[in-house]
Amino acid sequence: MFKDKGMRTFADWLRYYNNLDVAPGLEALEKMRNFYTEKGIDILKDAVSIPGVSLHYLLRERLSGAQIFTARAKKRMRC
């Protein structure tokens, strides 16, 4: 494979190998960014990590209009 791809040095092989690794990761990042951009979240600016992006999404989308129940709220609902 080394000679079939026209590689002559270790640097050529390293460049080839890194490109195999980077391309799928970049494609996944683009798809994830498009998904969250549609929801108004910039994953490269609004959060530092994947769990941070998920938390931002949860707080923004799911809890925006929902009532958060506390122990007192539950007691009032039983009456």
C-alpha atoms as a PDB file:
ATOM      1  CA  MET A   1       0.000   0.000   0.000  1.00  0.00           C
ATOM      2  CA  PHE A   2       2.892   2.352   0.729  1.00  0.00           C
ATOM      3  CA  LYS A   3       4.179   2.206  -2.839  1.00  0.00           C
ATOM      4  CA  ASP A   4       0.693   1.887  -4.387  1.00  0.00           C
ATOM      5  CA  LYS A   5      -0.258   5.293  -2.977  1.00  0.00           C
ATOM      6  CA  GLY A   6       2.959   6.888  -4.239  1.00  0.00           C
ATOM      7  CA  MET A   7       4.427   7.401  -0.794  1.00  0.00           C
ATOM      8  CA  ARG A   8       8.155   7.799  -0.592  1.00  0.00           C
ATOM      9  CA  THR A   9       8.756   8.891   2.990  1.00  0.00           C
ATOM     10  CA  PHE A  10       7.332   8.345   6.432  1.00  0.00           C
ATOM     11  CA  ALA A  11       5.978  11.911   6.276  1.00  0.00           C
ATOM     12  CA  ASP A  12       3.956  10.940   3.180  1.00  0.00           C
ATOM     13  CA  TRP A  13       2.478   7.983   5.036  1.00  0.00           C
ATOM     14  CA  LEU A  14       1.744  10.093   8.121  1.00  0.00           C
ATOM     15  CA  ARG A  15      -0.060  12.708   6.021  1.00  0.00           C
ATOM     16  CA  TYR A  16      -2.131   9.969   4.341  1.00  0.00           C
ATOM     17  CA  TYR A  17      -2.973   8.300   7.659  1.00  0.00           C
ATOM     18  CA  ASN A  18      -3.939  11.579   9.343  1.00  0.00           C
ATOM     19  CA  ASN A  19      -6.218  12.490   6.456  1.00  0.00           C
ATOM     20  CA  LEU A  20      -8.013   9.154   6.853  1.00  0.00           C
ATOM     21  CA  ASP A  21      -8.582   9.970  10.510  1.00  0.00           C
ATOM     22  CA  VAL A  22      -9.495  13.646  10.172  1.00  0.00           C
ATOM     23  CA  ALA A  23     -12.002  13.530   7.297  1.00  0.00           C
ATOM     24  CA  PRO A  24     -14.674  11.431   9.086  1.00  0.00           C
ATOM     25  CA  GLY A  25     -14.264  13.476  12.273  1.00  0.00           C
ATOM     26  CA  LEU A  26     -14.700  16.717  10.380  1.00  0.00           C
ATOM     27  CA  GLU A  27     -17.787  15.374   8.622  1.00  0.00           C
ATOM     28  CA  ALA A  28     -19.307  14.378  11.971  1.00  0.00           C
ATOM     29  CA  LEU A  29     -18.522  17.810  13.441  1.00  0.00           C
ATOM     30  CA  GLU A  30     -20.184  19.548  10.491  1.00  0.00           C
ATOM     31  CA  LYS A  31     -23.327  17.419  10.828  1.00  0.00           C
ATOM     32  CA  MET A  32     -23.482  18.002  14.579  1.00  0.00           C
ATOM     33  CA  ARG A  33     -22.940  21.740  14.120  1.00  0.00           C
ATOM     34  CA  ASN A  34     -25.740  21.913  11.516  1.00  0.00           C
ATOM     35  CA  PHE A  35     -28.100  20.034  13.856  1.00  0.00           C
ATOM     36  CA  TYR A  36     -27.520  22.404  16.767  1.00  0.00           C
ATOM     37  CA  THR A  37     -27.390  25.536  14.577  1.00  0.00           C
ATOM     38  CA  GLU A  38     -30.988  24.806  13.515  1.00  0.00           C
ATOM     39  CA  LYS A  39     -31.857  24.931  17.208  1.00  0.00           C
ATOM     40  CA  GLY A  40     -30.058  28.236  17.770  1.00  0.00           C
ATOM     41  CA  ILE A  41     -26.975  26.824  19.502  1.00  0.00           C
ATOM     42  CA  ASP A  42     -23.446  27.459  18.266  1.00  0.00           C
ATOM     43  CA  ILE A  43     -21.510  24.435  19.541  1.00  0.00           C
ATOM     44  CA  LEU A  44     -18.167  26.113  18.956  1.00  0.00           C
ATOM     45  CA  LYS A  45     -19.124  29.186  20.985  1.00  0.00           C
ATOM     46  CA  ASP A  46     -21.882  28.358  23.488  1.00  0.00           C
ATOM     47  CA  ALA A  47     -20.332  25.331  25.175  1.00  0.00           C
ATOM     48  CA  VAL A  48     -16.906  23.853  25.828  1.00  0.00           C
ATOM     49  CA  SER A  49     -17.728  20.134  25.638  1.00  0.00           C
ATOM     50  CA  ILE A  50     -20.297  17.742  24.216  1.00  0.00           C
ATOM     51  CA  PRO A  51     -22.008  17.400  27.638  1.00  0.00           C
ATOM     52  CA  GLY A  52     -22.059  21.203  27.807  1.00  0.00           C
ATOM     53  CA  VAL A  53     -23.782  21.399  24.421  1.00  0.00           C
ATOM     54  CA  SER A  54     -26.334  18.816  25.559  1.00  0.00           C
ATOM     55  CA  LEU A  55     -27.013  20.743  28.771  1.00  0.00           C
ATOM     56  CA  HIS A  56     -27.402  23.975  26.823  1.00  0.00           C
ATOM     57  CA  TYR A  57     -29.860  22.229  24.478  1.00  0.00           C
ATOM     58  CA  LEU A  58     -31.803  20.741  27.380  1.00  0.00           C
ATOM     59  CA  LEU A  59     -32.085  24.004  29.264  1.00  0.00           C
ATOM     60  CA  ARG A  60     -32.965  26.004  26.179  1.00  0.00           C
ATOM     61  CA  GLU A  61     -35.422  23.669  24.472  1.00  0.00           C
ATOM     62  CA  ARG A  62     -36.937  21.429  27.085  1.00  0.00           C
ATOM     63  CA  LEU A  63     -37.217  23.524  30.220  1.00  0.00           C
ATOM     64  CA  SER A  64     -38.044  26.867  28.629  1.00  0.00           C
ATOM     65  CA  GLY A  65     -41.800  26.547  29.147  1.00  0.00           C
ATOM     66  CA  ALA A  66     -41.999  23.681  31.595  1.00  0.00           C
ATOM     67  CA  GLN A  67     -42.796  24.084  35.255  1.00  0.00           C
ATOM     68  CA  ILE A  68     -40.077  22.810  37.548  1.00  0.00           C
ATOM     69  CA  PHE A  69     -41.643  20.884  40.373  1.00  0.00           C
ATOM     70  CA  THR A  70     -40.519  21.284  43.950  1.00  0.00           C
ATOM     71  CA  ALA A  71     -41.678  19.471  47.061  1.00  0.00           C
ATOM     72  CA  ARG A  72     -44.083  22.348  47.860  1.00  0.00           C
ATOM     73  CA  ALA A  73     -45.512  22.333  44.338  1.00  0.00           C
ATOM     74  CA  LYS A  74     -46.182  18.608  44.613  1.00  0.00           C
ATOM     75  CA  LYS A  75     -48.004  19.105  47.934  1.00  0.00           C
ATOM     76  CA  ARG A  76     -50.171  21.853  46.424  1.00  0.00           C
ATOM     77  CA  MET A  77     -51.090  19.610  43.504  1.00  0.00           C
ATOM     78  CA  ARG A  78     -52.390  16.879  45.817  1.00  0.00           C
ATOM     79  CA  CYS A  79     -54.921  19.216  47.450  1.00  0.00           C
END
